[in-house]
Amino acid sequence: MAWSGDASSNGSAESSNGSPSAKVRPDAGDGMRTTAKAVAVLDRPQAERAPKHVLVVEDEPAQREHIVHLMEPLSATATSVATGEEAVAALGSQKFDCVVVDLGLPGMSGWQVIDHLRSKQNLRSTPVLVYTAKELTRKEVLKLGRATKTIVVKEVRSPERLRDEIGAILTRDADDDIAVSDGVSIEVSLAGKKVLVVDDDIRNIFALTALLERQGMEVISVDGGSDALETLRDHDDVDIALVDVMMPEMDGYTTMSNMRNLPNFGERPIIALTAKAMKGDREKCIEAGASDYIAKPVDNSHLVGMLRSWLSH
């Protein structure tokens, strides 16, 4: 869930000639580098939307200021800090609509900042954007995909993409909750259920994880059949699995068949994800061990309804 700030304390400013102006808040005190900018948007009523608040966690001063500068057209108030410890202090003092964090911080790392966010009930829904020059392994990307909104790698065109990603979050209507932002109804019966997502395409894992977590489900994601089987051997409380059919090495059919041989998962539902609906797909999936199947691109409402149906049995 994204929080709105107090409109009375950080309202938009406009100069006498009608051009946007900025308000800069004094430093927040010992060690915390805080730059606040509230930029007016022309021809929009001031009361239309409360100002948004973004926390920027970046140890390199020039990069930190550049990110703050990118947000000037977004009518946002930016608090910038240089360390993970300062980030935790800032998160404890006010609510933010978005956190932009670099992984390679001195002392408390960006990974630890993300872990802190996800460990706190009142912070775990805060959208997190990772902006990093670190070359990530596939396992690191998967780990981040379960905890963050977007990963932006620092390169020539990345500042523009970062600005666009921040803007996409901040321009969400103040009345919108992240749980209904995709137009899919919330199924209360899914809350607390554990789902295993098996797909070799990281983009699909990100999209499915976001959808399922908005339903209150606990998501475990892996990118291959072998890892899926190992995960199920280690976790006997997985309620349902979503398995991509077209995967390298061990494909989805073999994966599902092997799942059915596991004593702790043999009778639990499996939904196969197919690249496109082809004649005979359903029969082939069922024969391999699937309980049901759904074609990509996945219709979110259809998938949620399917999950409700199978998990209510």
Protein backbone atom coordinates (compact mmCIF):
# COMPACT_ATOMS: atom_id res chain seq x y z
CA MET A 1 0.00 0.00 0.00
CA ALA A 2 1.24 3.47 -0.82
CA TRP A 3 0.74 6.20 1.74
CA SER A 4 -0.18 9.84 1.08
CA GLY A 5 1.51 12.60 3.01
CA ASP A 6 0.05 15.64 4.77
CA ALA A 7 -0.95 18.11 2.07
CA SER A 8 -0.77 21.01 4.46
CA SER A 9 2.89 20.51 5.32
CA ASN A 10 4.39 20.04 1.86
CA GLY A 11 2.03 21.74 -0.57
CA SER A 12 2.98 22.69 -4.12
CA ALA A 13 4.58 26.05 -4.67
CA GLU A 14 4.26 28.40 -7.60
CA SER A 15 6.14 31.57 -8.36
CA SER A 16 4.42 34.83 -9.20
CA ASN A 17 4.96 34.31 -12.92
CA GLY A 18 3.22 30.93 -12.83
CA SER A 19 6.32 28.76 -13.21
CA PRO A 20 7.03 25.86 -10.86
CA SER A 21 9.23 26.57 -7.86
CA ALA A 22 10.83 24.32 -5.28
CA LYS A 23 10.85 24.16 -1.50
CA VAL A 24 13.95 22.79 0.15
CA ARG A 25 13.64 21.40 3.65
CA PRO A 26 16.58 21.92 6.01
CA ASP A 27 18.82 18.97 6.80
CA ALA A 28 17.20 16.44 9.08
CA GLY A 29 20.06 16.53 11.52
CA ASP A 30 23.08 14.48 12.51
CA GLY A 31 24.40 12.78 9.40
CA MET A 32 21.16 12.49 7.48
CA ARG A 33 21.35 14.23 4.13
CA THR A 34 17.86 15.41 3.34
CA THR A 35 16.80 17.27 0.24
CA ALA A 36 13.10 17.99 -0.13
CA LYS A 37 11.62 19.41 -3.29
CA ALA A 38 7.94 20.06 -3.87
CA VAL A 39 7.44 21.13 -7.46
CA ALA A 40 4.17 22.65 -8.60
CA VAL A 41 2.37 21.24 -11.61
CA LEU A 42 0.78 23.88 -13.82
CA ASP A 43 -2.95 23.91 -14.43
CA ARG A 44 -3.73 21.33 -11.77
CA PRO A 45 -5.73 22.08 -8.60
CA GLN A 46 -3.51 21.94 -5.55
CA ALA A 47 -6.00 19.84 -3.62
CA GLU A 48 -6.26 17.21 -6.34
CA ARG A 49 -3.58 14.98 -4.84
CA ALA A 50 -1.50 15.03 -1.68
CA PRO A 51 2.26 15.28 -2.25
CA LYS A 52 4.18 12.01 -2.54
CA HIS A 53 7.27 11.13 -0.53
CA VAL A 54 10.27 9.22 -1.87
CA LEU A 55 13.28 7.92 0.05
CA VAL A 56 16.52 7.79 -1.98
CA VAL A 57 19.28 5.59 -0.53
CA GLU A 58 22.53 6.14 -2.44
CA ASP A 59 26.05 6.58 -1.03
CA GLU A 60 27.56 8.43 -4.03
CA PRO A 61 26.73 12.16 -3.59
CA ALA A 62 26.53 13.11 -7.28
CA GLN A 63 24.35 10.10 -8.08
CA ARG A 64 22.14 10.82 -5.10
CA GLU A 65 21.55 14.42 -6.17
CA HIS A 66 20.94 13.33 -9.74
CA ILE A 67 18.15 10.96 -8.65
CA VAL A 68 16.56 13.73 -6.59
CA HIS A 69 16.78 16.04 -9.61
CA LEU A 70 15.04 13.42 -11.79
CA MET A 71 12.00 13.62 -9.53
CA GLU A 72 11.49 17.38 -9.81
CA PRO A 73 8.85 17.09 -12.57
CA LEU A 74 6.97 14.48 -10.52
CA SER A 75 5.73 16.81 -7.78
CA ALA A 76 7.42 14.69 -5.13
CA THR A 77 9.20 15.34 -1.86
CA ALA A 78 12.54 13.50 -1.80
CA THR A 79 14.51 12.55 1.29
CA SER A 80 18.01 11.42 0.35
CA VAL A 81 20.37 9.48 2.62
CA ALA A 82 23.81 7.96 2.13
CA THR A 83 23.73 4.83 4.29
CA GLY A 84 21.47 1.95 5.18
CA GLU A 85 21.45 3.02 8.82
CA GLU A 86 20.17 6.48 7.84
CA ALA A 87 17.54 4.84 5.65
CA VAL A 88 16.22 2.77 8.56
CA ALA A 89 16.09 5.91 10.71
CA ALA A 90 14.17 7.78 8.00
CA LEU A 91 11.72 4.87 7.55
CA GLY A 92 11.05 4.95 11.27
CA SER A 93 10.29 8.67 11.27
CA GLN A 94 7.83 9.02 8.39
CA LYS A 95 5.93 7.12 5.71
CA PHE A 96 7.18 6.92 2.12
CA ASP A 97 5.33 6.16 -1.11
CA CYS A 98 8.46 4.71 -2.71
CA VAL A 99 12.03 3.75 -1.76
CA VAL A 100 14.89 3.90 -4.29
CA VAL A 101 17.88 1.95 -3.02
CA ASP A 102 21.37 1.05 -4.25
CA LEU A 103 22.60 -2.39 -3.17
CA GLY A 104 26.27 -1.45 -2.74
CA LEU A 105 26.08 0.72 0.37
CA PRO A 106 28.82 1.01 3.00
CA GLY A 107 27.98 -0.60 6.32
CA MET A 108 24.38 -1.77 6.22
CA SER A 109 23.87 -2.95 2.64
CA GLY A 110 20.95 -2.29 0.33
CA TRP A 111 19.97 -5.95 0.73
CA GLN A 112 19.65 -5.41 4.47
CA VAL A 113 17.55 -2.28 3.94
CA ILE A 114 15.18 -4.32 1.77
CA ASP A 115 15.08 -7.09 4.40
CA HIS A 116 14.23 -4.46 7.02
CA LEU A 117 11.36 -3.16 4.90
CA ARG A 118 9.94 -6.62 4.34
CA SER A 119 10.26 -7.60 8.00
CA LYS A 120 8.07 -4.74 9.24
CA GLN A 121 4.31 -5.09 8.92
CA ASN A 122 3.84 -1.36 8.36
CA LEU A 123 6.59 -1.14 5.72
CA ARG A 124 6.43 -4.33 3.66
CA SER A 125 3.91 -2.93 1.15
CA THR A 126 6.10 0.08 0.33
CA PRO A 127 7.18 -0.11 -3.35
CA VAL A 128 10.95 -0.55 -3.65
CA LEU A 129 13.01 0.27 -6.75
CA VAL A 130 16.55 -1.11 -6.89
CA TYR A 131 18.98 1.13 -8.80
CA THR A 132 22.33 -0.59 -8.97
CA ALA A 133 25.51 -0.99 -11.03
CA LYS A 134 26.11 -4.43 -9.52
CA GLU A 135 26.05 -7.34 -11.94
CA LEU A 136 23.37 -9.57 -10.47
CA THR A 137 23.31 -13.35 -10.60
CA ARG A 138 20.09 -15.08 -11.63
CA LYS A 139 19.45 -16.14 -8.03
CA GLU A 140 19.93 -12.54 -6.84
CA VAL A 141 17.48 -11.30 -9.48
CA LEU A 142 14.93 -13.89 -8.33
CA LYS A 143 15.44 -12.87 -4.70
CA LEU A 144 14.96 -9.21 -5.55
CA GLY A 145 11.95 -10.03 -7.67
CA ARG A 146 10.19 -11.40 -4.61
CA ALA A 147 10.86 -8.26 -2.59
CA THR A 148 11.03 -5.27 -4.92
CA LYS A 149 8.95 -3.53 -7.54
CA THR A 150 11.61 -3.03 -10.22
CA ILE A 151 15.33 -3.50 -10.79
CA VAL A 152 17.03 -0.76 -12.84
CA VAL A 153 20.66 -1.38 -13.83
CA LYS A 154 22.79 1.76 -14.04
CA GLU A 155 23.67 2.36 -17.67
CA VAL A 156 23.40 5.10 -20.30
CA ARG A 157 19.59 5.17 -20.55
CA SER A 158 18.80 3.99 -17.03
CA PRO A 159 18.12 7.44 -15.44
CA GLU A 160 15.18 7.97 -17.76
CA ARG A 161 13.83 4.52 -16.98
CA LEU A 162 14.23 5.11 -13.24
CA ARG A 163 12.30 8.37 -13.54
CA ASP A 164 9.54 6.60 -15.46
CA GLU A 165 9.31 3.80 -12.87
CA ILE A 166 9.13 6.27 -9.98
CA GLY A 167 6.52 8.29 -11.88
CA ALA A 168 4.39 5.19 -12.50
CA ILE A 169 4.17 4.63 -8.75
CA LEU A 170 3.68 8.24 -7.73
CA THR A 171 0.99 9.01 -10.30
CA ARG A 172 -1.24 6.21 -9.06
CA ASP A 173 -4.49 7.75 -7.84
CA ALA A 174 -4.37 8.49 -4.15
CA ASP A 175 -7.52 6.46 -3.65
CA ASP A 176 -6.03 3.41 -5.33
CA ASP A 177 -4.63 0.65 -3.18
CA ILE A 178 -1.91 -1.58 -4.58
CA ALA A 179 -4.14 -4.55 -3.86
CA VAL A 180 -6.68 -3.49 -6.46
CA SER A 181 -4.47 -1.54 -8.85
CA ASP A 182 -4.72 -4.24 -11.52
CA GLY A 183 -8.51 -4.33 -11.36
CA VAL A 184 -8.59 -7.89 -9.96
CA SER A 185 -10.93 -8.50 -7.04
CA ILE A 186 -9.35 -9.62 -3.79
CA GLU A 187 -10.21 -13.22 -2.84
CA VAL A 188 -10.07 -13.35 0.94
CA SER A 189 -9.92 -17.16 0.84
CA LEU A 190 -6.45 -17.01 -0.79
CA ALA A 191 -4.84 -15.01 2.01
CA GLY A 192 -2.15 -16.99 3.79
CA LYS A 193 -2.01 -19.78 1.20
CA LYS A 194 1.45 -20.77 -0.01
CA VAL A 195 2.06 -21.03 -3.76
CA LEU A 196 5.09 -22.27 -5.68
CA VAL A 197 5.72 -20.48 -9.02
CA VAL A 198 7.95 -22.37 -11.47
CA ASP A 199 8.97 -20.41 -14.58
CA ASP A 200 12.29 -19.82 -16.33
CA ASP A 201 11.25 -16.31 -17.47
CA ILE A 202 12.05 -13.84 -14.68
CA ARG A 203 9.53 -11.33 -16.06
CA ASN A 204 6.74 -13.88 -15.63
CA ILE A 205 7.90 -14.62 -12.08
CA PHE A 206 7.81 -10.91 -11.23
CA ALA A 207 4.32 -10.45 -12.68
CA LEU A 208 2.84 -13.55 -11.03
CA THR A 209 4.50 -12.78 -7.69
CA ALA A 210 3.05 -9.25 -7.68
CA LEU A 211 -0.44 -10.56 -8.53
CA LEU A 212 -0.40 -13.35 -5.95
CA GLU A 213 1.06 -11.25 -3.14
CA ARG A 214 -1.71 -8.69 -3.70
CA GLN A 215 -4.07 -11.55 -2.93
CA GLY A 216 -2.27 -12.09 0.38
CA MET A 217 -0.59 -15.32 -0.74
CA GLU A 218 2.91 -16.36 0.27
CA VAL A 219 4.94 -16.89 -2.90
CA ILE A 220 7.98 -19.12 -3.41
CA SER A 221 9.50 -18.79 -6.89
CA VAL A 222 12.09 -20.90 -8.71
CA ASP A 223 13.28 -20.88 -12.32
CA GLY A 224 13.59 -24.58 -13.06
CA GLY A 225 12.10 -28.03 -12.48
CA SER A 226 14.97 -29.36 -10.37
CA ASP A 227 14.75 -26.40 -8.00
CA ALA A 228 10.97 -26.87 -7.82
CA LEU A 229 11.32 -30.48 -6.70
CA GLU A 230 13.99 -29.56 -4.15
CA THR A 231 11.77 -26.77 -2.81
CA LEU A 232 8.81 -29.12 -2.39
CA ARG A 233 11.00 -31.64 -0.55
CA ASP A 234 12.03 -28.88 1.86
CA HIS A 235 8.56 -27.32 2.24
CA ASP A 236 5.65 -29.61 3.02
CA ASP A 237 3.20 -26.72 3.42
CA VAL A 238 2.94 -25.56 -0.23
CA ASP A 239 -0.77 -25.45 -1.07
CA ILE A 240 -0.60 -25.16 -4.87
CA ALA A 241 1.93 -24.87 -7.70
CA LEU A 242 1.95 -22.90 -10.96
CA VAL A 243 4.26 -24.59 -13.48
CA ASP A 244 5.41 -23.25 -16.84
CA VAL A 245 5.33 -25.99 -19.46
CA MET A 246 8.12 -24.71 -21.73
CA MET A 247 11.30 -24.71 -19.64
CA PRO A 248 14.86 -25.74 -20.60
CA GLU A 249 16.49 -28.83 -19.12
CA MET A 250 13.53 -30.29 -17.19
CA ASP A 251 10.35 -29.17 -18.93
CA GLY A 252 7.03 -28.56 -17.20
CA TYR A 253 5.55 -31.93 -18.11
CA THR A 254 8.44 -33.82 -16.52
CA THR A 255 8.43 -31.45 -13.55
CA MET A 256 4.72 -32.02 -12.87
CA SER A 257 5.07 -35.76 -13.27
CA ASN A 258 7.89 -35.82 -10.72
CA MET A 259 5.88 -33.59 -8.38
CA ARG A 260 3.16 -36.22 -8.31
CA ASN A 261 5.69 -38.74 -7.02
CA LEU A 262 6.50 -36.63 -3.96
CA PRO A 263 4.68 -38.01 -0.89
CA ASN A 264 4.03 -34.55 0.59
CA PHE A 265 2.66 -33.02 -2.61
CA GLY A 266 1.17 -35.86 -4.64
CA GLU A 267 -2.48 -34.88 -4.06
CA ARG A 268 -2.17 -31.09 -4.13
CA PRO A 269 -3.29 -28.97 -7.09
CA ILE A 270 -0.95 -28.01 -9.93
CA ILE A 271 -1.88 -25.42 -12.58
CA ALA A 272 0.11 -25.63 -15.81
CA LEU A 273 1.04 -22.42 -17.63
CA THR A 274 1.15 -22.87 -21.40
CA ALA A 275 2.58 -20.45 -23.97
CA LYS A 276 -0.60 -20.56 -26.06
CA ALA A 277 -3.80 -22.54 -26.14
CA MET A 278 -3.29 -25.44 -28.55
CA LYS A 279 -5.54 -28.39 -29.28
CA GLY A 280 -4.58 -31.24 -26.99
CA ASP A 281 -2.76 -29.01 -24.46
CA ARG A 282 -5.21 -29.70 -21.66
CA GLU A 283 -5.07 -33.47 -22.15
CA LYS A 284 -1.27 -33.46 -22.28
CA CYS A 285 -1.03 -31.33 -19.13
CA ILE A 286 -3.53 -33.47 -17.22
CA GLU A 287 -1.72 -36.62 -18.28
CA ALA A 288 1.54 -35.16 -16.92
CA GLY A 289 -0.07 -34.47 -13.54
CA ALA A 290 -1.65 -31.02 -13.81
CA SER A 291 -4.97 -30.37 -12.13
CA ASP A 292 -5.79 -27.57 -14.60
CA TYR A 293 -4.11 -25.29 -17.10
CA ILE A 294 -4.19 -21.67 -18.24
CA ALA A 295 -2.72 -20.13 -21.39
CA LYS A 296 -0.33 -17.18 -21.50
CA PRO A 297 -0.65 -14.25 -21.50
CA VAL A 298 -2.38 -15.03 -18.23
CA ASP A 299 -5.76 -13.43 -17.59
CA ASN A 300 -5.29 -12.34 -13.97
CA SER A 301 -8.96 -12.54 -13.00
CA HIS A 302 -9.24 -16.01 -14.55
CA LEU A 303 -6.15 -17.22 -12.67
CA VAL A 304 -7.37 -15.84 -9.35
CA GLY A 305 -10.74 -17.53 -9.87
CA MET A 306 -8.99 -20.79 -10.71
CA LEU A 307 -6.87 -20.58 -7.57
CA ARG A 308 -9.96 -19.91 -5.46
CA SER A 309 -11.72 -22.90 -6.99
CA TRP A 310 -8.89 -25.36 -6.41
CA LEU A 311 -7.96 -24.13 -2.94
CA SER A 312 -11.54 -24.20 -1.70
CA HIS A 313 -11.80 -27.96 -2.32
